Amino acid sequence: MASSLIMHKRITTTVAKAKALKVYVEPLVTKSKDDSTHSRRVVFSYLK
């Protein structure tokens, strides 16, 4: 779901999944502000 959201910028889902997705994606976006090899690897380990 996070990969789909990042690629399409908008998705439709249930409210419960949306709230879980928000908790999952927001730290990844914060991590992506620092463009380093380590942060890319950490984000890739979550997104696959």
All heavy atoms as atom14 arrays in JSON, in Angstrom:
{
  "sequence": "MASSLIMHKRITTTVAKAKALKVYVEPLVTKSKDDSTHSRRVVFSYLK",
  "atom14_mask": [
    [1, 1, 1, 1, 1, 1, 1, 1, 0, 0, 0, 0, 0, 0],
    [1, 1, 1, 1, 1, 0, 0, 0, 0, 0, 0, 0, 0, 0],
    [1, 1, 1, 1, 1, 1, 0, 0, 0, 0, 0, 0, 0, 0],
    [1, 1, 1, 1, 1, 1, 0, 0, 0, 0, 0, 0, 0, 0],
    [1, 1, 1, 1, 1, 1, 1, 1, 0, 0, 0, 0, 0, 0],
    [1, 1, 1, 1, 1, 1, 1, 1, 0, 0, 0, 0, 0, 0],
    [1, 1, 1, 1, 1, 1, 1, 1, 0, 0, 0, 0, 0, 0],
    [1, 1, 1, 1, 1, 1, 1, 1, 1, 1, 0, 0, 0, 0],
    [1, 1, 1, 1, 1, 1, 1, 1, 1, 0, 0, 0, 0, 0],
    [1, 1, 1, 1, 1, 1, 1, 1, 1, 1, 1, 0, 0, 0],
    [1, 1, 1, 1, 1, 1, 1, 1, 0, 0, 0, 0, 0, 0],
    [1, 1, 1, 1, 1, 1, 1, 0, 0, 0, 0, 0, 0, 0],
    [1, 1, 1, 1, 1, 1, 1, 0, 0, 0, 0, 0, 0, 0],
    [1, 1, 1, 1, 1, 1, 1, 0, 0, 0, 0, 0, 0, 0],
    [1, 1, 1, 1, 1, 1, 1, 0, 0, 0, 0, 0, 0, 0],
    [1, 1, 1, 1, 1, 0, 0, 0, 0, 0, 0, 0, 0, 0],
    [1, 1, 1, 1, 1, 1, 1, 1, 1, 0, 0, 0, 0, 0],
    [1, 1, 1, 1, 1, 0, 0, 0, 0, 0, 0, 0, 0, 0],
    [1, 1, 1, 1, 1, 1, 1, 1, 1, 0, 0, 0, 0, 0],
    [1, 1, 1, 1, 1, 0, 0, 0, 0, 0, 0, 0, 0, 0],
    [1, 1, 1, 1, 1, 1, 1, 1, 0, 0, 0, 0, 0, 0],
    [1, 1, 1, 1, 1, 1, 1, 1, 1, 0, 0, 0, 0, 0],
    [1, 1, 1, 1, 1, 1, 1, 0, 0, 0, 0, 0, 0, 0],
    [1, 1, 1, 1, 1, 1, 1, 1, 1, 1, 1, 1, 0, 0],
    [1, 1, 1, 1, 1, 1, 1, 0, 0, 0, 0, 0, 0, 0],
    [1, 1, 1, 1, 1, 1, 1, 1, 1, 0, 0, 0, 0, 0],
    [1, 1, 1, 1, 1, 1, 1, 0, 0, 0, 0, 0, 0, 0],
    [1, 1, 1, 1, 1, 1, 1, 1, 0, 0, 0, 0, 0, 0],
    [1, 1, 1, 1, 1, 1, 1, 0, 0, 0, 0, 0, 0, 0],
    [1, 1, 1, 1, 1, 1, 1, 0, 0, 0, 0, 0, 0, 0],
    [1, 1, 1, 1, 1, 1, 1, 1, 1, 0, 0, 0, 0, 0],
    [1, 1, 1, 1, 1, 1, 0, 0, 0, 0, 0, 0, 0, 0],
    [1, 1, 1, 1, 1, 1, 1, 1, 1, 0, 0, 0, 0, 0],
    [1, 1, 1, 1, 1, 1, 1, 1, 0, 0, 0, 0, 0, 0],
    [1, 1, 1, 1, 1, 1, 1, 1, 0, 0, 0, 0, 0, 0],
    [1, 1, 1, 1, 1, 1, 0, 0, 0, 0, 0, 0, 0, 0],
    [1, 1, 1, 1, 1, 1, 1, 0, 0, 0, 0, 0, 0, 0],
    [1, 1, 1, 1, 1, 1, 1, 1, 1, 1, 0, 0, 0, 0],
    [1, 1, 1, 1, 1, 1, 0, 0, 0, 0, 0, 0, 0, 0],
    [1, 1, 1, 1, 1, 1, 1, 1, 1, 1, 1, 0, 0, 0],
    [1, 1, 1, 1, 1, 1, 1, 1, 1, 1, 1, 0, 0, 0],
    [1, 1, 1, 1, 1, 1, 1, 0, 0, 0, 0, 0, 0, 0],
    [1, 1, 1, 1, 1, 1, 1, 0, 0, 0, 0, 0, 0, 0],
    [1, 1, 1, 1, 1, 1, 1, 1, 1, 1, 1, 0, 0, 0],
    [1, 1, 1, 1, 1, 1, 0, 0, 0, 0, 0, 0, 0, 0],
    [1, 1, 1, 1, 1, 1, 1, 1, 1, 1, 1, 1, 0, 0],
    [1, 1, 1, 1, 1, 1, 1, 1, 0, 0, 0, 0, 0, 0],
    [1, 1, 1, 1, 1, 1, 1, 1, 1, 0, 0, 0, 0, 0]
  ],
  "atom14_positions": [
    [[0.83, -1.2, 0.0], [0.0, 0.0, 0.0], [0.87, 1.25, 0.0], [0.55, 2.24, -0.67], [-0.94, -0.01, 1.21], [-2.06, -1.01, 1.1], [-3.06, -1.1, 2.58], [-3.78, 0.51, 2.6], [0.0, 0.0, 0.0], [0.0, 0.0, 0.0], [0.0, 0.0, 0.0], [0.0, 0.0, 0.0], [0.0, 0.0, 0.0], [0.0, 0.0, 0.0]],
    [[1.98, 1.23, 0.75], [2.88, 2.38, 0.79], [3.51, 2.61, -0.58], [3.62, 3.77, -1.03], [3.96, 2.16, 1.85], [0.0, 0.0, 0.0], [0.0, 0.0, 0.0], [0.0, 0.0, 0.0], [0.0, 0.0, 0.0], [0.0, 0.0, 0.0], [0.0, 0.0, 0.0], [0.0, 0.0, 0.0], [0.0, 0.0, 0.0], [0.0, 0.0, 0.0]],
    [[3.91, 1.55, -1.25], [4.48, 1.69, -2.6], [3.46, 2.26, -3.57], [3.77, 3.14, -4.37], [4.97, 0.33, -3.11], [6.0, -0.14, -2.29], [0.0, 0.0, 0.0], [0.0, 0.0, 0.0], [0.0, 0.0, 0.0], [0.0, 0.0, 0.0], [0.0, 0.0, 0.0], [0.0, 0.0, 0.0], [0.0, 0.0, 0.0], [0.0, 0.0, 0.0]],
    [[2.22, 1.78, -3.49], [1.17, 2.3, -4.36], [0.9, 3.77, -4.08], [0.71, 4.56, -5.0], [-0.12, 1.5, -4.17], [0.06, 0.17, -4.58], [0.0, 0.0, 0.0], [0.0, 0.0, 0.0], [0.0, 0.0, 0.0], [0.0, 0.0, 0.0], [0.0, 0.0, 0.0], [0.0, 0.0, 0.0], [0.0, 0.0, 0.0], [0.0, 0.0, 0.0]],
    [[0.88, 4.12, -2.81], [0.65, 5.52, -2.44], [1.76, 6.42, -2.96], [1.5, 7.5, -3.5], [0.53, 5.65, -0.91], [0.35, 7.05, -0.37], [-0.99, 7.64, -0.81], [0.42, 7.05, 1.15], [0.0, 0.0, 0.0], [0.0, 0.0, 0.0], [0.0, 0.0, 0.0], [0.0, 0.0, 0.0], [0.0, 0.0, 0.0], [0.0, 0.0, 0.0]],
    [[2.99, 5.97, -2.85], [4.13, 6.77, -3.3], [4.11, 6.92, -4.82], [4.36, 8.01, -5.35], [5.44, 6.16, -2.8], [5.55, 6.35, -1.28], [6.64, 6.76, -3.51], [6.64, 5.54, -0.63], [0.0, 0.0, 0.0], [0.0, 0.0, 0.0], [0.0, 0.0, 0.0], [0.0, 0.0, 0.0], [0.0, 0.0, 0.0], [0.0, 0.0, 0.0]],
    [[3.77, 5.86, -5.52], [3.78, 5.91, -6.98], [2.59, 6.71, -7.53], [2.75, 7.46, -8.48], [3.75, 4.49, -7.57], [4.99, 3.69, -7.24], [6.54, 4.48, -7.69], [6.48, 4.34, -9.46], [0.0, 0.0, 0.0], [0.0, 0.0, 0.0], [0.0, 0.0, 0.0], [0.0, 0.0, 0.0], [0.0, 0.0, 0.0], [0.0, 0.0, 0.0]],
    [[1.41, 6.58, -6.92], [0.21, 7.22, -7.46], [-0.18, 8.5, -6.73], [-1.09, 9.2, -7.18], [-0.97, 6.24, -7.42], [-0.72, 5.01, -8.22], [-0.63, 5.0, -9.6], [-0.51, 3.72, -7.84], [-0.39, 3.77, -10.02], [-0.31, 2.98, -8.98], [0.0, 0.0, 0.0], [0.0, 0.0, 0.0], [0.0, 0.0, 0.0], [0.0, 0.0, 0.0]],
    [[0.42, 8.77, -5.57], [0.18, 9.97, -4.74], [-1.19, 9.98, -4.06], [-1.47, 10.85, -3.27], [0.32, 11.28, -5.55], [1.57, 11.4, -6.38], [2.82, 11.36, -5.56], [4.05, 11.6, -6.38], [4.5, 10.43, -7.13], [0.0, 0.0, 0.0], [0.0, 0.0, 0.0], [0.0, 0.0, 0.0], [0.0, 0.0, 0.0], [0.0, 0.0, 0.0]],
    [[-2.06, 9.0, -4.38], [-3.4, 8.97, -3.8], [-3.98, 7.56, -3.98], [-3.91, 7.01, -5.08], [-4.27, 9.98, -4.54], [-5.72, 9.9, -4.24], [-6.5, 10.83, -5.11], [-6.11, 12.21, -4.85], [-6.66, 13.26, -5.43], [-7.59, 13.1, -6.32], [-6.28, 14.47, -5.13], [0.0, 0.0, 0.0], [0.0, 0.0, 0.0], [0.0, 0.0, 0.0]],
    [[-4.53, 6.99, -2.9], [-5.18, 5.69, -3.01], [-6.46, 5.71, -2.17], [-6.61, 6.53, -1.27], [-4.28, 4.51, -2.56], [-3.85, 4.66, -1.1], [-3.08, 4.35, -3.46], [-3.14, 3.44, -0.55], [0.0, 0.0, 0.0], [0.0, 0.0, 0.0], [0.0, 0.0, 0.0], [0.0, 0.0, 0.0], [0.0, 0.0, 0.0], [0.0, 0.0, 0.0]],
    [[-7.36, 4.78, -2.48], [-8.59, 4.62, -1.72], [-8.55, 3.29, -0.99], [-8.2, 2.27, -1.6], [-9.82, 4.65, -2.66], [-9.78, 5.88, -3.39], [-11.1, 4.58, -1.88], [0.0, 0.0, 0.0], [0.0, 0.0, 0.0], [0.0, 0.0, 0.0], [0.0, 0.0, 0.0], [0.0, 0.0, 0.0], [0.0, 0.0, 0.0], [0.0, 0.0, 0.0]],
    [[-8.88, 3.3, 0.3], [-8.84, 2.1, 1.12], [-9.82, 2.27, 2.28], [-10.54, 3.25, 2.33], [-7.41, 1.82, 1.6], [-7.38, 0.6, 2.33], [-6.88, 2.95, 2.46], [0.0, 0.0, 0.0], [0.0, 0.0, 0.0], [0.0, 0.0, 0.0], [0.0, 0.0, 0.0], [0.0, 0.0, 0.0], [0.0, 0.0, 0.0], [0.0, 0.0, 0.0]],
    [[-9.81, 1.32, 3.21], [-10.67, 1.47, 4.37], [-10.02, 2.43, 5.36], [-8.82, 2.67, 5.32], [-10.92, 0.11, 5.06], [-9.67, -0.4, 5.53], [-11.57, -0.87, 4.11], [0.0, 0.0, 0.0], [0.0, 0.0, 0.0], [0.0, 0.0, 0.0], [0.0, 0.0, 0.0], [0.0, 0.0, 0.0], [0.0, 0.0, 0.0], [0.0, 0.0, 0.0]],
    [[-10.82, 2.95, 6.28], [-10.31, 3.92, 7.25], [-9.27, 3.29, 8.16], [-8.23, 3.9, 8.45], [-11.48, 4.53, 8.06], [-10.96, 5.4, 9.19], [-12.39, 5.34, 7.16], [0.0, 0.0, 0.0], [0.0, 0.0, 0.0], [0.0, 0.0, 0.0], [0.0, 0.0, 0.0], [0.0, 0.0, 0.0], [0.0, 0.0, 0.0], [0.0, 0.0, 0.0]],
    [[-9.51, 2.06, 8.61], [-8.55, 1.41, 9.51], [-7.2, 1.21, 8.82], [-6.15, 1.47, 9.42], [-9.12, 0.06, 9.97], [0.0, 0.0, 0.0], [0.0, 0.0, 0.0], [0.0, 0.0, 0.0], [0.0, 0.0, 0.0], [0.0, 0.0, 0.0], [0.0, 0.0, 0.0], [0.0, 0.0, 0.0], [0.0, 0.0, 0.0], [0.0, 0.0, 0.0]],
    [[-7.23, 0.76, 7.56], [-5.97, 0.59, 6.82], [-5.32, 1.93, 6.54], [-4.09, 2.04, 6.55], [-6.22, -0.15, 5.51], [-6.53, -1.61, 5.67], [-6.78, -2.23, 4.32], [-7.29, -3.64, 4.43], [-7.67, -4.18, 3.12], [0.0, 0.0, 0.0], [0.0, 0.0, 0.0], [0.0, 0.0, 0.0], [0.0, 0.0, 0.0], [0.0, 0.0, 0.0]],
    [[-6.11, 2.96, 6.3], [-5.56, 4.29, 6.04], [-4.81, 4.81, 7.26], [-3.72, 5.38, 7.14], [-6.67, 5.25, 5.65], [0.0, 0.0, 0.0], [0.0, 0.0, 0.0], [0.0, 0.0, 0.0], [0.0, 0.0, 0.0], [0.0, 0.0, 0.0], [0.0, 0.0, 0.0], [0.0, 0.0, 0.0], [0.0, 0.0, 0.0], [0.0, 0.0, 0.0]],
    [[-5.39, 4.61, 8.45], [-4.72, 5.08, 9.67], [-3.44, 4.29, 9.93], [-2.42, 4.86, 10.35], [-5.68, 4.95, 10.85], [-6.81, 5.95, 10.82], [-7.75, 5.75, 11.98], [-8.89, 6.76, 11.94], [-9.84, 6.55, 13.06], [0.0, 0.0, 0.0], [0.0, 0.0, 0.0], [0.0, 0.0, 0.0], [0.0, 0.0, 0.0], [0.0, 0.0, 0.0]],
    [[-3.46, 2.98, 9.66], [-2.25, 2.17, 9.83], [-1.2, 2.57, 8.8], [0.0, 2.62, 9.11], [-2.6, 0.69, 9.68], [0.0, 0.0, 0.0], [0.0, 0.0, 0.0], [0.0, 0.0, 0.0], [0.0, 0.0, 0.0], [0.0, 0.0, 0.0], [0.0, 0.0, 0.0], [0.0, 0.0, 0.0], [0.0, 0.0, 0.0], [0.0, 0.0, 0.0]],
    [[-1.64, 2.89, 7.59], [-0.71, 3.29, 6.53], [-0.05, 4.62, 6.85], [1.13, 4.81, 6.58], [-1.45, 3.38, 5.19], [-0.63, 3.71, 3.97], [0.39, 2.62, 3.69], [-1.53, 3.91, 2.76], [0.0, 0.0, 0.0], [0.0, 0.0, 0.0], [0.0, 0.0, 0.0], [0.0, 0.0, 0.0], [0.0, 0.0, 0.0], [0.0, 0.0, 0.0]],
    [[-0.8, 5.53, 7.46], [-0.25, 6.84, 7.82], [0.89, 6.67, 8.82], [1.96, 7.29, 8.68], [-1.35, 7.71, 8.41], [-0.94, 9.12, 8.68], [-2.12, 9.96, 9.09], [-1.71, 11.4, 9.26], [-2.83, 12.27, 9.62], [0.0, 0.0, 0.0], [0.0, 0.0, 0.0], [0.0, 0.0, 0.0], [0.0, 0.0, 0.0], [0.0, 0.0, 0.0]],
    [[0.7, 5.8, 9.8], [1.74, 5.54, 10.8], [2.96, 4.88, 10.14], [4.09, 5.09, 10.57], [1.17, 4.66, 11.94], [2.25, 4.19, 12.88], [0.1, 5.42, 12.69], [0.0, 0.0, 0.0], [0.0, 0.0, 0.0], [0.0, 0.0, 0.0], [0.0, 0.0, 0.0], [0.0, 0.0, 0.0], [0.0, 0.0, 0.0], [0.0, 0.0, 0.0]],
    [[2.73, 4.1, 9.09], [3.79, 3.37, 8.4], [4.6, 4.27, 7.47], [5.83, 4.16, 7.38], [3.15, 2.23, 7.6], [4.1, 1.23, 7.01], [4.57, 0.15, 7.75], [4.51, 1.33, 5.67], [5.42, -0.79, 7.2], [5.36, 0.39, 5.11], [5.8, -0.67, 5.88], [6.66, -1.6, 5.33], [0.0, 0.0, 0.0], [0.0, 0.0, 0.0]],
    [[3.93, 5.19, 6.76], [4.58, 5.97, 5.7], [5.25, 7.24, 6.22], [6.33, 7.6, 5.75], [3.56, 6.31, 4.59], [4.13, 7.29, 3.59], [3.13, 5.06, 3.88], [0.0, 0.0, 0.0], [0.0, 0.0, 0.0], [0.0, 0.0, 0.0], [0.0, 0.0, 0.0], [0.0, 0.0, 0.0], [0.0, 0.0, 0.0], [0.0, 0.0, 0.0]],
    [[4.64, 7.91, 7.18], [5.18, 9.22, 7.59], [6.62, 9.15, 8.1], [7.42, 10.02, 7.75], [4.23, 9.88, 8.59], [2.95, 10.3, 7.89], [2.26, 11.47, 8.54], [2.65, 11.88, 9.65], [1.33, 12.0, 7.91], [0.0, 0.0, 0.0], [0.0, 0.0, 0.0], [0.0, 0.0, 0.0], [0.0, 0.0, 0.0], [0.0, 0.0, 0.0]],
    [[7.02, 8.14, 8.89], [8.45, 8.06, 9.25], [9.36, 7.83, 8.05], [10.5, 8.3, 8.04], [8.51, 6.86, 10.22], [7.14, 6.73, 10.74], [6.22, 7.17, 9.65], [0.0, 0.0, 0.0], [0.0, 0.0, 0.0], [0.0, 0.0, 0.0], [0.0, 0.0, 0.0], [0.0, 0.0, 0.0], [0.0, 0.0, 0.0], [0.0, 0.0, 0.0]],
    [[8.86, 7.13, 7.02], [9.66, 6.9, 5.82], [9.88, 8.2, 5.07], [10.97, 8.44, 4.52], [8.99, 5.87, 4.91], [8.79, 4.48, 5.5], [8.13, 3.57, 4.49], [10.09, 3.89, 5.98], [0.0, 0.0, 0.0], [0.0, 0.0, 0.0], [0.0, 0.0, 0.0], [0.0, 0.0, 0.0], [0.0, 0.0, 0.0], [0.0, 0.0, 0.0]],
    [[8.86, 9.05, 5.02], [9.01, 10.34, 4.34], [10.0, 11.21, 5.11], [10.84, 11.89, 4.51], [7.64, 11.03, 4.2], [7.8, 12.4, 3.57], [6.7, 10.19, 3.36], [0.0, 0.0, 0.0], [0.0, 0.0, 0.0], [0.0, 0.0, 0.0], [0.0, 0.0, 0.0], [0.0, 0.0, 0.0], [0.0, 0.0, 0.0], [0.0, 0.0, 0.0]],
    [[9.91, 11.19, 6.43], [10.87, 11.94, 7.25], [12.28, 11.44, 7.0], [13.22, 12.23, 6.88], [10.52, 11.82, 8.74], [9.18, 12.28, 8.93], [11.47, 12.63, 9.59], [0.0, 0.0, 0.0], [0.0, 0.0, 0.0], [0.0, 0.0, 0.0], [0.0, 0.0, 0.0], [0.0, 0.0, 0.0], [0.0, 0.0, 0.0], [0.0, 0.0, 0.0]],
    [[12.44, 10.12, 6.91], [13.75, 9.53, 6.66], [14.27, 9.91, 5.27], [15.47, 10.08, 5.07], [13.64, 8.01, 6.79], [14.92, 7.26, 6.65], [15.86, 7.5, 7.79], [15.76, 6.43, 8.82], [16.85, 6.57, 9.81], [0.0, 0.0, 0.0], [0.0, 0.0, 0.0], [0.0, 0.0, 0.0], [0.0, 0.0, 0.0], [0.0, 0.0, 0.0]],
    [[13.36, 10.1, 4.31], [13.78, 10.39, 2.94], [14.28, 11.82, 2.77], [14.89, 12.13, 1.74], [12.63, 10.13, 1.97], [11.64, 11.11, 2.12], [0.0, 0.0, 0.0], [0.0, 0.0, 0.0], [0.0, 0.0, 0.0], [0.0, 0.0, 0.0], [0.0, 0.0, 0.0], [0.0, 0.0, 0.0], [0.0, 0.0, 0.0], [0.0, 0.0, 0.0]],
    [[14.03, 12.69, 3.74], [14.54, 14.06, 3.64], [16.07, 14.08, 3.66], [16.69, 14.96, 3.08], [14.0, 14.91, 4.8], [12.53, 15.22, 4.69], [12.13, 16.07, 5.87], [10.7, 16.45, 5.87], [10.36, 17.3, 7.01], [0.0, 0.0, 0.0], [0.0, 0.0, 0.0], [0.0, 0.0, 0.0], [0.0, 0.0, 0.0], [0.0, 0.0, 0.0]],
    [[16.67, 13.1, 4.35], [18.13, 12.97, 4.39], [18.52, 11.96, 3.32], [18.37, 10.76, 3.52], [18.58, 12.51, 5.78], [20.06, 12.2, 5.83], [20.84, 12.89, 5.13], [20.45, 11.28, 6.58], [0.0, 0.0, 0.0], [0.0, 0.0, 0.0], [0.0, 0.0, 0.0], [0.0, 0.0, 0.0], [0.0, 0.0, 0.0], [0.0, 0.0, 0.0]],
    [[18.99, 12.45, 2.18], [19.31, 11.56, 1.06], [20.72, 10.99, 1.24], [21.69, 11.51, 0.69], [19.18, 12.31, -0.26], [19.25, 11.38, -1.45], [19.29, 10.15, -1.24], [19.23, 11.87, -2.59], [0.0, 0.0, 0.0], [0.0, 0.0, 0.0], [0.0, 0.0, 0.0], [0.0, 0.0, 0.0], [0.0, 0.0, 0.0], [0.0, 0.0, 0.0]],
    [[20.82, 9.92, 2.0], [22.09, 9.23, 2.18], [21.89, 7.76, 1.85], [20.76, 7.27, 1.75], [22.58, 9.37, 3.63], [21.7, 8.73, 4.51], [0.0, 0.0, 0.0], [0.0, 0.0, 0.0], [0.0, 0.0, 0.0], [0.0, 0.0, 0.0], [0.0, 0.0, 0.0], [0.0, 0.0, 0.0], [0.0, 0.0, 0.0], [0.0, 0.0, 0.0]],
    [[22.96, 7.05, 1.68], [22.88, 5.63, 1.35], [22.19, 4.86, 2.46], [21.36, 3.98, 2.21], [24.29, 5.06, 1.13], [24.95, 5.83, 0.14], [24.22, 3.6, 0.68], [0.0, 0.0, 0.0], [0.0, 0.0, 0.0], [0.0, 0.0, 0.0], [0.0, 0.0, 0.0], [0.0, 0.0, 0.0], [0.0, 0.0, 0.0], [0.0, 0.0, 0.0]],
    [[22.5, 5.21, 3.7], [21.89, 4.51, 4.83], [20.37, 4.71, 4.86], [19.62, 3.74, 5.01], [22.5, 5.0, 6.15], [21.87, 4.39, 7.35], [21.97, 3.05, 7.63], [21.09, 4.92, 8.31], [21.29, 2.79, 8.75], [20.75, 3.92, 9.17], [0.0, 0.0, 0.0], [0.0, 0.0, 0.0], [0.0, 0.0, 0.0], [0.0, 0.0, 0.0]],
    [[19.92, 5.96, 4.68], [18.48, 6.21, 4.73], [17.77, 5.55, 3.56], [16.65, 5.05, 3.7], [18.17, 7.7, 4.79], [18.65, 8.35, 3.64], [0.0, 0.0, 0.0], [0.0, 0.0, 0.0], [0.0, 0.0, 0.0], [0.0, 0.0, 0.0], [0.0, 0.0, 0.0], [0.0, 0.0, 0.0], [0.0, 0.0, 0.0], [0.0, 0.0, 0.0]],
    [[18.43, 5.49, 2.39], [17.82, 4.8, 1.25], [17.67, 3.31, 1.54], [16.65, 2.7, 1.21], [18.67, 4.98, -0.01], [18.44, 6.3, -0.7], [19.24, 6.37, -1.99], [19.02, 7.65, -2.64], [18.14, 7.85, -3.59], [17.39, 6.86, -4.03], [17.99, 9.04, -4.13], [0.0, 0.0, 0.0], [0.0, 0.0, 0.0], [0.0, 0.0, 0.0]],
    [[18.66, 2.72, 2.18], [18.59, 1.29, 2.49], [17.53, 1.0, 3.55], [16.83, 0.0, 3.47], [19.96, 0.78, 2.96], [20.94, 0.65, 1.83], [22.29, 0.18, 2.28], [23.16, -0.01, 1.14], [24.46, -0.19, 1.22], [25.07, -0.21, 2.41], [25.18, -0.37, 0.14], [0.0, 0.0, 0.0], [0.0, 0.0, 0.0], [0.0, 0.0, 0.0]],
    [[17.41, 1.89, 4.51], [16.39, 1.7, 5.55], [14.99, 1.8, 4.93], [14.12, 0.96, 5.2], [16.57, 2.73, 6.68], [15.38, 2.73, 7.61], [17.84, 2.45, 7.46], [0.0, 0.0, 0.0], [0.0, 0.0, 0.0], [0.0, 0.0, 0.0], [0.0, 0.0, 0.0], [0.0, 0.0, 0.0], [0.0, 0.0, 0.0], [0.0, 0.0, 0.0]],
    [[14.77, 2.79, 4.09], [13.47, 2.96, 3.44], [13.18, 1.78, 2.51], [12.06, 1.26, 2.5], [13.41, 4.3, 2.67], [12.19, 4.37, 1.77], [13.42, 5.45, 3.65], [0.0, 0.0, 0.0], [0.0, 0.0, 0.0], [0.0, 0.0, 0.0], [0.0, 0.0, 0.0], [0.0, 0.0, 0.0], [0.0, 0.0, 0.0], [0.0, 0.0, 0.0]],
    [[14.19, 1.31, 1.77], [13.99, 0.17, 0.89], [13.63, -1.1, 1.67], [12.85, -1.93, 1.2], [15.23, -0.08, 0.03], [15.09, -1.26, -0.89], [14.3, -1.16, -2.03], [15.72, -2.46, -0.62], [14.16, -2.25, -2.89], [15.57, -3.54, -1.47], [14.79, -3.44, -2.6], [0.0, 0.0, 0.0], [0.0, 0.0, 0.0], [0.0, 0.0, 0.0]],
    [[14.18, -1.24, 2.89], [13.87, -2.42, 3.69], [12.39, -2.43, 4.11], [11.82, -3.5, 4.32], [14.76, -2.49, 4.93], [14.38, -1.51, 5.87], [0.0, 0.0, 0.0], [0.0, 0.0, 0.0], [0.0, 0.0, 0.0], [0.0, 0.0, 0.0], [0.0, 0.0, 0.0], [0.0, 0.0, 0.0], [0.0, 0.0, 0.0], [0.0, 0.0, 0.0]],
    [[11.77, -1.25, 4.19], [10.35, -1.18, 4.51], [9.48, -1.3, 3.25], [8.47, -2.0, 3.27], [10.02, 0.15, 5.2], [10.37, 0.17, 6.66], [11.62, 0.61, 7.07], [9.46, -0.24, 7.61], [11.95, 0.63, 8.42], [9.78, -0.23, 8.95], [11.04, 0.22, 9.35], [11.35, 0.23, 10.68], [0.0, 0.0, 0.0], [0.0, 0.0, 0.0]],
    [[9.86, -0.64, 2.17], [9.03, -0.61, 0.97], [9.19, -1.84, 0.09], [8.24, -2.27, -0.56], [9.34, 0.64, 0.14], [8.96, 1.98, 0.74], [9.35, 3.09, -0.2], [7.47, 2.03, 1.04], [0.0, 0.0, 0.0], [0.0, 0.0, 0.0], [0.0, 0.0, 0.0], [0.0, 0.0, 0.0], [0.0, 0.0, 0.0], [0.0, 0.0, 0.0]],
    [[10.4, -2.38, 0.01], [10.71, -3.55, -0.83], [10.36, -3.3, -2.3], [9.94, -4.2, -3.02], [9.97, -4.78, -0.3], [10.36, -5.15, 1.11], [9.44, -6.18, 1.7], [9.8, -6.51, 3.11], [9.73, -5.4, 4.03], [0.0, 0.0, 0.0], [0.0, 0.0, 0.0], [0.0, 0.0, 0.0], [0.0, 0.0, 0.0], [0.0, 0.0, 0.0]]
  ]
}
